[in-house]
Amino acid sequence: MPSKINPAKYQIGLIVTLTLLIAFPLLSMGSGSAKPNMERLVISRLIQWIFLLCLWLYTIFVERQDFLPWKKEKLSFVKILAHAGLLYLAVIFLSLPIRILLDFLKPEKMSPLLTGLKPILLKNWLLIPFISVTAGVIEEFLFRGYLQPRLQALIKNPVITIILTSVVFAVVHIGYGTFQNVVGPFLIGLLFSSYYWKYRNIMPLILCHCLIDIISLTVIVLKK
């Protein structure tokens, strides 16, 4: 499955994107970032949308190629929903044994960041779909849509590309402050990147990602 990518023009965007994605969570963790509040939550998500827009414009005017360079496999609406559902079941299948094992070896408290979100979300439930859709759309477009095809064009080895993309995806979640919140995204990254390599269709991944976050945030809010 060849990649239609102009290798002479994507390096700067790839380097800048990787640097920002890795640096931001590490810097925030090292600086002991403040507890989340409504204003910070909204502004941070708007900044993510702006970053995605800037990257999209970069692909048009500098790279002069499609943001999603891989020709996608056409799926009907029903198949998109079915694939998203199967991906969600696969995520549960992957995550539960790891969570049980980690709880047995070293029980962890809930992420301080997620704990801080609870009182905010209780006051405004609309933030749950806003946060979830933002994460689902932006993270899938960045990691699977942008990074993975360009890393593949550079490395020319799908297995290494999938692993590297998943490692970066895990590092981005390091700010949650728990081992579980890093291992989980790494495994999900392996699953999602493998799916994207095979099907080249990002919609089931976005839907599944949104579903995961909506359910997870709802459980956090309802949990006593």
N, C-alpha and C. Protein backbone atom coordinates (compact mmCIF):
# COMPACT_ATOMS: atom_id res chain seq x y z
N MET A 1 0.85 -1.18 0.00
CA MET A 1 0.00 0.00 0.00
C MET A 1 0.88 1.24 0.00
N PRO A 2 1.19 1.81 -1.15
CA PRO A 2 2.12 2.91 -1.23
C PRO A 2 1.57 4.19 -0.62
N SER A 3 2.46 5.03 -0.12
CA SER A 3 2.09 6.30 0.46
C SER A 3 2.33 7.41 -0.56
N LYS A 4 1.32 8.23 -0.81
CA LYS A 4 1.47 9.33 -1.73
C LYS A 4 1.91 10.56 -0.95
N ILE A 5 3.19 10.66 -0.69
CA ILE A 5 3.71 11.75 0.12
C ILE A 5 4.93 12.33 -0.56
N ASN A 6 5.02 13.64 -0.58
CA ASN A 6 6.20 14.32 -1.09
C ASN A 6 7.24 14.38 0.02
N PRO A 7 8.27 13.54 -0.02
CA PRO A 7 9.21 13.43 1.10
C PRO A 7 10.07 14.67 1.28
N ALA A 8 10.13 15.54 0.29
CA ALA A 8 11.02 16.71 0.37
C ALA A 8 10.41 17.84 1.17
N LYS A 9 9.11 17.78 1.49
CA LYS A 9 8.45 18.95 2.06
C LYS A 9 7.76 18.73 3.41
N TYR A 10 7.81 17.53 3.95
CA TYR A 10 7.08 17.29 5.19
C TYR A 10 7.97 17.27 6.42
N GLN A 11 9.30 17.31 6.24
CA GLN A 11 10.19 17.10 7.38
C GLN A 11 10.01 18.15 8.48
N ILE A 12 9.90 19.43 8.09
CA ILE A 12 9.79 20.49 9.08
C ILE A 12 8.51 20.32 9.90
N GLY A 13 7.40 20.10 9.23
CA GLY A 13 6.14 19.90 9.94
C GLY A 13 6.19 18.70 10.85
N LEU A 14 6.83 17.64 10.40
CA LEU A 14 6.95 16.42 11.21
C LEU A 14 7.77 16.68 12.46
N ILE A 15 8.90 17.35 12.29
CA ILE A 15 9.79 17.63 13.42
C ILE A 15 9.12 18.56 14.43
N VAL A 16 8.50 19.64 13.94
CA VAL A 16 7.84 20.60 14.82
C VAL A 16 6.68 19.94 15.57
N THR A 17 5.88 19.16 14.86
CA THR A 17 4.74 18.50 15.49
C THR A 17 5.18 17.51 16.55
N LEU A 18 6.18 16.69 16.24
CA LEU A 18 6.69 15.73 17.22
C LEU A 18 7.26 16.44 18.44
N THR A 19 8.01 17.51 18.21
CA THR A 19 8.62 18.26 19.31
C THR A 19 7.57 18.83 20.24
N LEU A 20 6.54 19.46 19.66
CA LEU A 20 5.49 20.06 20.48
C LEU A 20 4.68 19.01 21.23
N LEU A 21 4.35 17.92 20.55
CA LEU A 21 3.55 16.87 21.18
C LEU A 21 4.28 16.24 22.36
N ILE A 22 5.59 16.07 22.24
CA ILE A 22 6.37 15.45 23.31
C ILE A 22 6.72 16.46 24.40
N ALA A 23 7.04 17.70 24.01
CA ALA A 23 7.52 18.70 24.97
C ALA A 23 6.42 19.19 25.90
N PHE A 24 5.23 19.46 25.40
CA PHE A 24 4.18 20.05 26.21
C PHE A 24 3.81 19.22 27.43
N PRO A 25 3.53 17.91 27.28
CA PRO A 25 3.19 17.13 28.49
C PRO A 25 4.35 16.99 29.46
N LEU A 26 5.57 16.89 28.94
CA LEU A 26 6.73 16.77 29.83
C LEU A 26 6.96 18.06 30.60
N LEU A 27 6.82 19.20 29.93
CA LEU A 27 7.01 20.49 30.59
C LEU A 27 5.92 20.74 31.64
N SER A 28 4.69 20.41 31.29
CA SER A 28 3.59 20.63 32.24
C SER A 28 3.74 19.75 33.46
N MET A 29 4.23 18.52 33.26
CA MET A 29 4.43 17.61 34.38
C MET A 29 5.57 18.11 35.26
N GLY A 30 6.63 18.59 34.64
CA GLY A 30 7.79 19.06 35.39
C GLY A 30 7.53 20.35 36.14
N SER A 31 6.60 21.16 35.63
CA SER A 31 6.34 22.45 36.26
C SER A 31 5.23 22.39 37.29
N GLY A 32 4.61 21.19 37.42
CA GLY A 32 3.52 21.07 38.37
C GLY A 32 2.36 21.96 38.01
N SER A 33 1.80 21.78 36.83
CA SER A 33 0.77 22.67 36.29
C SER A 33 -0.41 22.79 37.24
N ALA A 34 -1.07 23.93 37.17
CA ALA A 34 -2.18 24.23 38.07
C ALA A 34 -3.35 23.30 37.82
N LYS A 35 -4.22 23.22 38.86
CA LYS A 35 -5.40 22.38 38.72
C LYS A 35 -6.29 22.92 37.61
N PRO A 36 -7.01 22.04 36.92
CA PRO A 36 -7.85 22.50 35.82
C PRO A 36 -9.02 23.34 36.32
N ASN A 37 -9.42 24.32 35.51
CA ASN A 37 -10.64 25.06 35.76
C ASN A 37 -11.35 25.25 34.44
N MET A 38 -12.57 25.78 34.49
CA MET A 38 -13.38 25.91 33.29
C MET A 38 -12.66 26.70 32.20
N GLU A 39 -12.12 27.84 32.57
CA GLU A 39 -11.47 28.70 31.59
C GLU A 39 -10.26 28.02 30.96
N ARG A 40 -9.44 27.37 31.79
CA ARG A 40 -8.25 26.70 31.28
C ARG A 40 -8.62 25.53 30.37
N LEU A 41 -9.66 24.81 30.73
CA LEU A 41 -10.11 23.69 29.90
C LEU A 41 -10.54 24.15 28.51
N VAL A 42 -11.36 25.18 28.47
CA VAL A 42 -11.87 25.67 27.19
C VAL A 42 -10.75 26.25 26.34
N ILE A 43 -9.90 27.08 26.95
CA ILE A 43 -8.82 27.71 26.20
C ILE A 43 -7.85 26.68 25.65
N SER A 44 -7.50 25.68 26.47
CA SER A 44 -6.55 24.66 26.02
C SER A 44 -7.10 23.87 24.83
N ARG A 45 -8.41 23.60 24.86
CA ARG A 45 -9.01 22.86 23.73
C ARG A 45 -9.10 23.73 22.48
N LEU A 46 -9.38 25.01 22.66
CA LEU A 46 -9.40 25.92 21.51
C LEU A 46 -8.01 26.04 20.88
N ILE A 47 -6.98 26.05 21.73
CA ILE A 47 -5.61 26.09 21.22
C ILE A 47 -5.31 24.84 20.41
N GLN A 48 -5.81 23.70 20.85
CA GLN A 48 -5.60 22.45 20.09
C GLN A 48 -6.26 22.52 18.72
N TRP A 49 -7.47 23.09 18.66
CA TRP A 49 -8.14 23.25 17.37
C TRP A 49 -7.36 24.19 16.45
N ILE A 50 -6.83 25.27 17.03
CA ILE A 50 -6.03 26.22 16.25
C ILE A 50 -4.77 25.56 15.73
N PHE A 51 -4.14 24.73 16.57
CA PHE A 51 -2.93 24.03 16.14
C PHE A 51 -3.23 23.09 14.98
N LEU A 52 -4.35 22.37 15.06
CA LEU A 52 -4.73 21.47 13.97
C LEU A 52 -4.99 22.26 12.69
N LEU A 53 -5.65 23.41 12.81
CA LEU A 53 -5.91 24.26 11.65
C LEU A 53 -4.60 24.74 11.03
N CYS A 54 -3.66 25.18 11.87
CA CYS A 54 -2.36 25.65 11.36
C CYS A 54 -1.62 24.52 10.65
N LEU A 55 -1.68 23.33 11.20
CA LEU A 55 -1.01 22.19 10.58
C LEU A 55 -1.67 21.84 9.25
N TRP A 56 -2.98 21.94 9.20
CA TRP A 56 -3.71 21.68 7.95
C TRP A 56 -3.31 22.70 6.88
N LEU A 57 -3.22 23.98 7.27
CA LEU A 57 -2.79 25.01 6.33
C LEU A 57 -1.35 24.77 5.87
N TYR A 58 -0.52 24.27 6.79
CA TYR A 58 0.87 23.96 6.43
C TYR A 58 0.93 22.88 5.36
N THR A 59 0.09 21.86 5.50
CA THR A 59 0.11 20.79 4.50
C THR A 59 -0.35 21.29 3.14
N ILE A 60 -1.25 22.28 3.13
CA ILE A 60 -1.76 22.81 1.87
C ILE A 60 -0.74 23.71 1.19
N PHE A 61 -0.18 24.66 1.95
CA PHE A 61 0.63 25.71 1.33
C PHE A 61 2.13 25.42 1.33
N VAL A 62 2.60 24.56 2.23
CA VAL A 62 4.04 24.25 2.28
C VAL A 62 4.31 22.85 1.74
N GLU A 63 3.66 21.86 2.33
CA GLU A 63 3.84 20.50 1.83
C GLU A 63 3.20 20.31 0.45
N ARG A 64 2.12 21.07 0.22
CA ARG A 64 1.37 20.97 -1.04
C ARG A 64 0.89 19.54 -1.30
N GLN A 65 0.28 18.99 -0.28
CA GLN A 65 -0.28 17.65 -0.39
C GLN A 65 -1.45 17.53 0.58
N ASP A 66 -2.20 16.46 0.48
CA ASP A 66 -3.35 16.26 1.35
C ASP A 66 -2.90 16.05 2.79
N PHE A 67 -3.71 16.56 3.73
CA PHE A 67 -3.43 16.32 5.14
C PHE A 67 -3.44 14.83 5.42
N LEU A 68 -4.40 14.12 4.83
CA LEU A 68 -4.48 12.66 4.92
C LEU A 68 -4.01 12.09 3.59
N PRO A 69 -2.72 11.81 3.46
CA PRO A 69 -2.17 11.42 2.15
C PRO A 69 -2.53 10.01 1.71
N TRP A 70 -2.88 9.14 2.65
CA TRP A 70 -3.22 7.77 2.27
C TRP A 70 -4.64 7.72 1.71
N LYS A 71 -4.81 7.07 0.58
CA LYS A 71 -6.13 6.90 -0.01
C LYS A 71 -6.93 5.95 0.87
N LYS A 72 -8.05 6.45 1.39
CA LYS A 72 -8.82 5.67 2.37
C LYS A 72 -9.66 4.60 1.69
N GLU A 73 -9.90 3.55 2.46
CA GLU A 73 -10.84 2.52 2.00
C GLU A 73 -12.25 3.03 2.27
N LYS A 74 -13.09 3.01 1.26
CA LYS A 74 -14.45 3.50 1.42
C LYS A 74 -15.28 2.51 2.24
N LEU A 75 -15.90 3.05 3.28
CA LEU A 75 -16.76 2.23 4.14
C LEU A 75 -18.14 2.87 4.21
N SER A 76 -19.17 2.06 4.18
CA SER A 76 -20.52 2.58 4.34
C SER A 76 -20.70 3.09 5.77
N PHE A 77 -21.75 3.89 5.98
CA PHE A 77 -22.02 4.43 7.31
C PHE A 77 -22.18 3.30 8.33
N VAL A 78 -22.88 2.25 7.92
CA VAL A 78 -23.10 1.11 8.82
C VAL A 78 -21.77 0.44 9.17
N LYS A 79 -20.89 0.29 8.18
CA LYS A 79 -19.59 -0.34 8.43
C LYS A 79 -18.72 0.54 9.32
N ILE A 80 -18.82 1.86 9.15
CA ILE A 80 -18.06 2.76 10.01
C ILE A 80 -18.49 2.58 11.46
N LEU A 81 -19.80 2.52 11.68
CA LEU A 81 -20.31 2.31 13.04
C LEU A 81 -19.89 0.94 13.57
N ALA A 82 -19.95 -0.08 12.71
CA ALA A 82 -19.58 -1.43 13.13
C ALA A 82 -18.09 -1.50 13.48
N HIS A 83 -17.25 -0.89 12.65
CA HIS A 83 -15.81 -0.89 12.93
C HIS A 83 -15.52 -0.14 14.23
N ALA A 84 -16.21 0.99 14.44
CA ALA A 84 -16.00 1.75 15.67
C ALA A 84 -16.40 0.91 16.89
N GLY A 85 -17.51 0.20 16.78
CA GLY A 85 -17.94 -0.66 17.88
C GLY A 85 -16.98 -1.79 18.16
N LEU A 86 -16.47 -2.41 17.11
CA LEU A 86 -15.51 -3.50 17.28
C LEU A 86 -14.20 -2.99 17.87
N LEU A 87 -13.79 -1.80 17.44
CA LEU A 87 -12.59 -1.19 18.01
C LEU A 87 -12.77 -0.93 19.50
N TYR A 88 -13.96 -0.47 19.88
CA TYR A 88 -14.23 -0.21 21.29
C TYR A 88 -14.16 -1.50 22.11
N LEU A 89 -14.73 -2.56 21.58
CA LEU A 89 -14.65 -3.86 22.27
C LEU A 89 -13.20 -4.33 22.39
N ALA A 90 -12.42 -4.08 21.34
CA ALA A 90 -11.01 -4.46 21.36
C ALA A 90 -10.25 -3.66 22.41
N VAL A 91 -10.60 -2.38 22.56
CA VAL A 91 -9.97 -1.55 23.58
C VAL A 91 -10.26 -2.10 24.97
N ILE A 92 -11.50 -2.48 25.21
CA ILE A 92 -11.87 -3.08 26.50
C ILE A 92 -11.09 -4.37 26.73
N PHE A 93 -11.02 -5.19 25.70
CA PHE A 93 -10.31 -6.47 25.79
C PHE A 93 -8.83 -6.26 26.13
N LEU A 94 -8.23 -5.21 25.56
CA LEU A 94 -6.82 -4.91 25.82
C LEU A 94 -6.62 -4.27 27.19
N SER A 95 -7.54 -3.40 27.57
CA SER A 95 -7.33 -2.57 28.76
C SER A 95 -7.61 -3.29 30.07
N LEU A 96 -8.65 -4.11 30.09
CA LEU A 96 -9.04 -4.74 31.36
C LEU A 96 -7.95 -5.61 31.98
N PRO A 97 -7.32 -6.52 31.21
CA PRO A 97 -6.25 -7.34 31.83
C PRO A 97 -5.10 -6.49 32.35
N ILE A 98 -4.74 -5.45 31.62
CA ILE A 98 -3.65 -4.58 32.06
C ILE A 98 -4.03 -3.86 33.35
N ARG A 99 -5.27 -3.36 33.39
CA ARG A 99 -5.71 -2.66 34.60
C ARG A 99 -5.74 -3.60 35.80
N ILE A 100 -6.25 -4.81 35.61
CA ILE A 100 -6.29 -5.79 36.70
C ILE A 100 -4.88 -6.12 37.18
N LEU A 101 -3.96 -6.30 36.23
CA LEU A 101 -2.58 -6.63 36.58
C LEU A 101 -1.92 -5.48 37.34
N LEU A 102 -2.10 -4.25 36.85
CA LEU A 102 -1.49 -3.10 37.51
C LEU A 102 -2.08 -2.89 38.90
N ASP A 103 -3.39 -3.10 39.05
CA ASP A 103 -4.01 -2.96 40.37
C ASP A 103 -3.49 -4.02 41.34
N PHE A 104 -3.19 -5.20 40.81
CA PHE A 104 -2.67 -6.29 41.65
C PHE A 104 -1.22 -6.01 42.06
N LEU A 105 -0.41 -5.53 41.12
CA LEU A 105 1.00 -5.29 41.40
C LEU A 105 1.21 -4.02 42.22
N LYS A 106 0.53 -2.95 41.79
CA LYS A 106 0.72 -1.66 42.47
C LYS A 106 -0.54 -0.82 42.27
N PRO A 107 -1.47 -0.92 43.19
CA PRO A 107 -2.71 -0.14 43.06
C PRO A 107 -2.41 1.36 42.95
N GLU A 108 -3.05 2.01 41.98
CA GLU A 108 -2.85 3.44 41.77
C GLU A 108 -4.13 4.20 42.06
N LYS A 109 -3.96 5.39 42.59
CA LYS A 109 -5.11 6.27 42.75
C LYS A 109 -5.47 6.84 41.38
N MET A 110 -6.68 7.38 41.29
CA MET A 110 -7.09 7.99 40.03
C MET A 110 -6.19 9.17 39.72
N SER A 111 -5.98 9.42 38.44
CA SER A 111 -5.15 10.54 38.00
C SER A 111 -5.60 11.83 38.67
N PRO A 112 -4.65 12.61 39.25
CA PRO A 112 -5.02 13.89 39.87
C PRO A 112 -5.70 14.83 38.88
N LEU A 113 -5.28 14.76 37.62
CA LEU A 113 -5.89 15.62 36.61
C LEU A 113 -7.36 15.26 36.40
N LEU A 114 -7.65 13.96 36.31
CA LEU A 114 -9.03 13.52 36.13
C LEU A 114 -9.86 13.80 37.38
N THR A 115 -9.25 13.66 38.55
CA THR A 115 -9.95 13.97 39.80
C THR A 115 -10.33 15.45 39.85
N GLY A 116 -9.41 16.29 39.37
CA GLY A 116 -9.68 17.73 39.33
C GLY A 116 -10.76 18.11 38.35
N LEU A 117 -10.97 17.26 37.34
CA LEU A 117 -12.01 17.54 36.35
C LEU A 117 -13.42 17.31 36.89
N LYS A 118 -13.55 16.41 37.85
CA LYS A 118 -14.88 15.98 38.30
C LYS A 118 -15.79 17.13 38.74
N PRO A 119 -15.34 18.02 39.65
CA PRO A 119 -16.24 19.10 40.07
C PRO A 119 -16.60 20.06 38.94
N ILE A 120 -15.69 20.21 37.98
CA ILE A 120 -15.97 21.10 36.84
C ILE A 120 -17.03 20.48 35.94
N LEU A 121 -16.89 19.19 35.67
CA LEU A 121 -17.84 18.51 34.79
C LEU A 121 -19.21 18.36 35.45
N LEU A 122 -19.23 18.24 36.77
CA LEU A 122 -20.51 18.14 37.48
C LEU A 122 -21.34 19.41 37.29
N LYS A 123 -20.66 20.55 37.18
CA LYS A 123 -21.35 21.82 37.02
C LYS A 123 -21.73 22.09 35.57
N ASN A 124 -21.04 21.44 34.64
CA ASN A 124 -21.33 21.68 33.22
C ASN A 124 -21.11 20.40 32.43
N TRP A 125 -22.18 19.64 32.27
CA TRP A 125 -22.10 18.35 31.58
C TRP A 125 -21.75 18.50 30.10
N LEU A 126 -22.02 19.66 29.52
CA LEU A 126 -21.72 19.87 28.10
C LEU A 126 -20.22 19.82 27.82
N LEU A 127 -19.43 20.00 28.87
CA LEU A 127 -17.98 19.91 28.68
C LEU A 127 -17.54 18.49 28.33
N ILE A 128 -18.32 17.50 28.74
CA ILE A 128 -17.95 16.11 28.45
C ILE A 128 -17.90 15.85 26.94
N PRO A 129 -18.97 16.14 26.18
CA PRO A 129 -18.85 15.95 24.73
C PRO A 129 -17.85 16.89 24.09
N PHE A 130 -17.71 18.11 24.61
CA PHE A 130 -16.75 19.06 24.04
C PHE A 130 -15.32 18.53 24.18
N ILE A 131 -14.96 18.09 25.38
CA ILE A 131 -13.62 17.54 25.62
C ILE A 131 -13.40 16.27 24.82
N SER A 132 -14.43 15.42 24.79
CA SER A 132 -14.29 14.12 24.12
C SER A 132 -14.17 14.26 22.61
N VAL A 133 -15.00 15.10 22.01
CA VAL A 133 -14.92 15.31 20.56
C VAL A 133 -13.61 15.98 20.18
N THR A 134 -13.18 16.94 21.00
CA THR A 134 -11.90 17.60 20.73
C THR A 134 -10.76 16.58 20.73
N ALA A 135 -10.73 15.73 21.75
CA ALA A 135 -9.67 14.71 21.83
C ALA A 135 -9.77 13.72 20.68
N GLY A 136 -10.99 13.25 20.41
CA GLY A 136 -11.17 12.26 19.36
C GLY A 136 -10.76 12.76 17.99
N VAL A 137 -11.20 13.94 17.64
CA VAL A 137 -10.91 14.49 16.31
C VAL A 137 -9.44 14.89 16.20
N ILE A 138 -8.97 15.69 17.14
CA ILE A 138 -7.62 16.24 17.02
C ILE A 138 -6.55 15.16 17.17
N GLU A 139 -6.67 14.30 18.17
CA GLU A 139 -5.64 13.28 18.37
C GLU A 139 -5.59 12.29 17.22
N GLU A 140 -6.73 11.91 16.68
CA GLU A 140 -6.70 10.97 15.56
C GLU A 140 -6.15 11.62 14.29
N PHE A 141 -6.53 12.87 14.03
CA PHE A 141 -5.98 13.55 12.87
C PHE A 141 -4.47 13.77 13.02
N LEU A 142 -4.02 14.09 14.23
CA LEU A 142 -2.59 14.34 14.44
C LEU A 142 -1.78 13.05 14.37
N PHE A 143 -2.18 12.05 15.16
CA PHE A 143 -1.36 10.84 15.29
C PHE A 143 -1.53 9.89 14.12
N ARG A 144 -2.76 9.53 13.82
CA ARG A 144 -2.98 8.60 12.72
C ARG A 144 -2.97 9.32 11.38
N GLY A 145 -3.65 10.46 11.28
CA GLY A 145 -3.78 11.13 10.00
C GLY A 145 -2.52 11.81 9.52
N TYR A 146 -1.84 12.54 10.43
CA TYR A 146 -0.66 13.31 10.02
C TYR A 146 0.65 12.57 10.27
N LEU A 147 0.89 12.17 11.51
CA LEU A 147 2.19 11.60 11.87
C LEU A 147 2.46 10.24 11.21
N GLN A 148 1.50 9.34 11.32
CA GLN A 148 1.76 7.97 10.88
C GLN A 148 2.15 7.86 9.40
N PRO A 149 1.43 8.48 8.47
CA PRO A 149 1.83 8.36 7.06
C PRO A 149 3.19 8.98 6.77
N ARG A 150 3.52 10.07 7.46
CA ARG A 150 4.78 10.75 7.19
C ARG A 150 5.95 10.01 7.83
N LEU A 151 5.73 9.44 9.00
CA LEU A 151 6.77 8.58 9.59
C LEU A 151 6.99 7.35 8.73
N GLN A 152 5.91 6.80 8.19
CA GLN A 152 6.03 5.63 7.32
C GLN A 152 6.82 5.96 6.06
N ALA A 153 6.59 7.15 5.50
CA ALA A 153 7.34 7.56 4.31
C ALA A 153 8.82 7.74 4.62
N LEU A 154 9.11 8.12 5.87
CA LEU A 154 10.50 8.32 6.29
C LEU A 154 11.18 7.01 6.67
N ILE A 155 10.49 6.17 7.44
CA ILE A 155 11.08 4.94 7.98
C ILE A 155 10.92 3.76 7.03
N LYS A 156 9.79 3.73 6.33
CA LYS A 156 9.48 2.66 5.36
C LYS A 156 9.38 1.28 6.02
N ASN A 157 8.92 1.28 7.26
CA ASN A 157 8.68 0.02 7.98
C ASN A 157 7.42 0.20 8.81
N PRO A 158 6.31 -0.43 8.41
CA PRO A 158 5.04 -0.18 9.10
C PRO A 158 5.04 -0.58 10.58
N VAL A 159 5.76 -1.63 10.93
CA VAL A 159 5.78 -2.08 12.33
C VAL A 159 6.47 -1.03 13.21
N ILE A 160 7.63 -0.56 12.77
CA ILE A 160 8.35 0.47 13.53
C ILE A 160 7.53 1.75 13.59
N THR A 161 6.90 2.11 12.47
CA THR A 161 6.07 3.31 12.43
C THR A 161 4.92 3.22 13.42
N ILE A 162 4.26 2.08 13.47
CA ILE A 162 3.13 1.89 14.39
C ILE A 162 3.61 1.99 15.84
N ILE A 163 4.75 1.39 16.14
CA ILE A 163 5.29 1.44 17.51
C ILE A 163 5.68 2.87 17.89
N LEU A 164 6.38 3.57 17.00
CA LEU A 164 6.80 4.95 17.28
C LEU A 164 5.60 5.87 17.48
N THR A 165 4.61 5.74 16.61
CA THR A 165 3.41 6.56 16.74
C THR A 165 2.72 6.29 18.08
N SER A 166 2.70 5.05 18.49
CA SER A 166 2.05 4.67 19.75
C SER A 166 2.84 5.17 20.96
N VAL A 167 4.16 5.16 20.85
CA VAL A 167 5.00 5.68 21.94
C VAL A 167 4.74 7.17 22.14
N VAL A 168 4.71 7.92 21.04
CA VAL A 168 4.44 9.36 21.13
C VAL A 168 3.04 9.59 21.70
N PHE A 169 2.09 8.79 21.25
CA PHE A 169 0.71 8.90 21.75
C PHE A 169 0.67 8.66 23.26
N ALA A 170 1.47 7.72 23.75
CA ALA A 170 1.52 7.44 25.19
C ALA A 170 2.19 8.59 25.95
N VAL A 171 3.27 9.13 25.38
CA VAL A 171 3.99 10.22 26.04
C VAL A 171 3.10 11.45 26.19
N VAL A 172 2.26 11.71 25.20
CA VAL A 172 1.36 12.85 25.27
C VAL A 172 0.41 12.74 26.47
N HIS A 173 0.13 11.52 26.91
CA HIS A 173 -0.79 11.31 28.04
C HIS A 173 -0.06 11.19 29.37
N ILE A 174 1.24 11.46 29.38
CA ILE A 174 2.01 11.30 30.61
C ILE A 174 1.61 12.33 31.67
N GLY A 175 1.03 13.44 31.22
CA GLY A 175 0.61 14.48 32.15
C GLY A 175 -0.49 14.06 33.09
N TYR A 176 -1.16 12.95 32.79
CA TYR A 176 -2.21 12.46 33.69
C TYR A 176 -1.62 11.91 34.99
N GLY A 177 -0.34 11.60 34.97
CA GLY A 177 0.36 11.31 36.21
C GLY A 177 0.28 9.90 36.74
N THR A 178 -0.25 8.96 35.97
CA THR A 178 -0.28 7.57 36.43
C THR A 178 0.29 6.66 35.34
N PHE A 179 0.84 5.54 35.78
CA PHE A 179 1.40 4.57 34.85
C PHE A 179 0.31 4.00 33.94
N GLN A 180 -0.85 3.80 34.53
CA GLN A 180 -1.98 3.24 33.78
C GLN A 180 -2.40 4.15 32.63
N ASN A 181 -2.31 5.47 32.85
CA ASN A 181 -2.69 6.42 31.82
C ASN A 181 -1.64 6.58 30.73
N VAL A 182 -0.54 5.86 30.86
CA VAL A 182 0.47 5.82 29.80
C VAL A 182 0.42 4.49 29.07
N VAL A 183 0.31 3.40 29.84
CA VAL A 183 0.23 2.07 29.23
C VAL A 183 -1.03 1.93 28.38
N GLY A 184 -2.15 2.41 28.90
CA GLY A 184 -3.42 2.33 28.17
C GLY A 184 -3.35 3.00 26.81
N PRO A 185 -2.95 4.28 26.74
CA PRO A 185 -2.82 4.94 25.44
C PRO A 185 -1.82 4.26 24.51
N PHE A 186 -0.76 3.67 25.07
CA PHE A 186 0.20 2.97 24.20
C PHE A 186 -0.47 1.78 23.51
N LEU A 187 -1.23 0.99 24.28
CA LEU A 187 -1.91 -0.17 23.70
C LEU A 187 -2.99 0.27 22.70
N ILE A 188 -3.73 1.32 23.07
CA ILE A 188 -4.74 1.85 22.15
C ILE A 188 -4.07 2.38 20.88
N GLY A 189 -2.90 3.02 21.06
CA GLY A 189 -2.16 3.51 19.91
C GLY A 189 -1.76 2.39 18.97
N LEU A 190 -1.31 1.27 19.53
CA LEU A 190 -0.95 0.11 18.70
C LEU A 190 -2.16 -0.38 17.91
N LEU A 191 -3.30 -0.47 18.59
CA LEU A 191 -4.53 -0.94 17.94
C LEU A 191 -4.98 0.02 16.85
N PHE A 192 -5.05 1.31 17.19
CA PHE A 192 -5.56 2.30 16.24
C PHE A 192 -4.63 2.48 15.04
N SER A 193 -3.32 2.49 15.30
CA SER A 193 -2.36 2.66 14.20
C SER A 193 -2.36 1.45 13.28
N SER A 194 -2.53 0.27 13.85
CA SER A 194 -2.62 -0.95 13.03
C SER A 194 -3.87 -0.91 12.16
N TYR A 195 -4.97 -0.47 12.76
CA TYR A 195 -6.21 -0.35 11.99
C TYR A 195 -6.04 0.65 10.85
N TYR A 196 -5.44 1.79 11.16
CA TYR A 196 -5.29 2.83 10.13
C TYR A 196 -4.36 2.37 9.01
N TRP A 197 -3.35 1.60 9.34
CA TRP A 197 -2.46 1.06 8.32
C TRP A 197 -3.22 0.13 7.38
N LYS A 198 -4.15 -0.62 7.92
CA LYS A 198 -4.89 -1.59 7.11
C LYS A 198 -6.01 -0.94 6.30
N TYR A 199 -6.80 -0.08 6.95
CA TYR A 199 -8.02 0.42 6.31
C TYR A 199 -7.91 1.85 5.77
N ARG A 200 -6.96 2.64 6.28
CA ARG A 200 -6.78 4.02 5.81
C ARG A 200 -8.03 4.88 5.98
N ASN A 201 -8.90 4.53 6.89
CA ASN A 201 -10.12 5.31 7.11
C ASN A 201 -10.13 5.77 8.56
N ILE A 202 -10.14 7.08 8.76
CA ILE A 202 -9.96 7.62 10.10
C ILE A 202 -11.28 7.76 10.87
N MET A 203 -12.41 7.70 10.18
CA MET A 203 -13.70 7.95 10.83
C MET A 203 -14.02 6.96 11.95
N PRO A 204 -13.84 5.64 11.76
CA PRO A 204 -14.11 4.72 12.87
C PRO A 204 -13.23 5.00 14.09
N LEU A 205 -12.00 5.44 13.85
CA LEU A 205 -11.09 5.75 14.95
C LEU A 205 -11.57 6.96 15.73
N ILE A 206 -12.02 7.99 15.01
CA ILE A 206 -12.54 9.19 15.67
C ILE A 206 -13.77 8.85 16.51
N LEU A 207 -14.68 8.10 15.93
CA LEU A 207 -15.91 7.72 16.65
C LEU A 207 -15.59 6.90 17.89
N CYS A 208 -14.69 5.93 17.75
CA CYS A 208 -14.32 5.09 18.88
C CYS A 208 -13.63 5.90 19.97
N HIS A 209 -12.72 6.78 19.57
CA HIS A 209 -11.98 7.62 20.51
C HIS A 209 -12.96 8.51 21.29
N CYS A 210 -13.90 9.14 20.58
CA CYS A 210 -14.90 9.98 21.24
C CYS A 210 -15.73 9.16 22.22
N LEU A 211 -16.11 7.97 21.81
CA LEU A 211 -16.92 7.09 22.67
C LEU A 211 -16.16 6.72 23.93
N ILE A 212 -14.89 6.37 23.78
CA ILE A 212 -14.06 6.01 24.94
C ILE A 212 -14.03 7.16 25.94
N ASP A 213 -13.78 8.37 25.45
CA ASP A 213 -13.63 9.52 26.34
C ASP A 213 -14.97 9.92 26.98
N ILE A 214 -16.05 9.87 26.19
CA ILE A 214 -17.36 10.22 26.74
C ILE A 214 -17.74 9.27 27.87
N ILE A 215 -17.57 7.98 27.64
CA ILE A 215 -17.91 6.99 28.67
C ILE A 215 -16.99 7.13 29.89
N SER A 216 -15.70 7.31 29.65
CA SER A 216 -14.74 7.43 30.76
C SER A 216 -15.03 8.65 31.62
N LEU A 217 -15.28 9.80 30.99
CA LEU A 217 -15.56 11.03 31.75
C LEU A 217 -16.89 10.93 32.48
N THR A 218 -17.88 10.30 31.85
CA THR A 218 -19.18 10.13 32.51
C THR A 218 -19.05 9.24 33.75
N VAL A 219 -18.27 8.17 33.64
CA VAL A 219 -18.05 7.28 34.78
C VAL A 219 -17.35 8.04 35.91
N ILE A 220 -16.37 8.86 35.57
CA ILE A 220 -15.65 9.64 36.58
C ILE A 220 -16.59 10.57 37.32
N VAL A 221 -17.48 11.22 36.58
CA VAL A 221 -18.42 12.17 37.19
C VAL A 221 -19.43 11.45 38.08
N LEU A 222 -19.91 10.29 37.63
CA LEU A 222 -20.95 9.57 38.38
C LEU A 222 -20.39 8.76 39.55
N LYS A 223 -19.09 8.47 39.50
CA LYS A 223 -18.47 7.65 40.54
C LYS A 223 -18.45 8.42 41.86
N LYS A 224 -18.88 7.77 42.93
CA LYS A 224 -18.90 8.42 44.24
C LYS A 224 -17.58 8.27 44.95
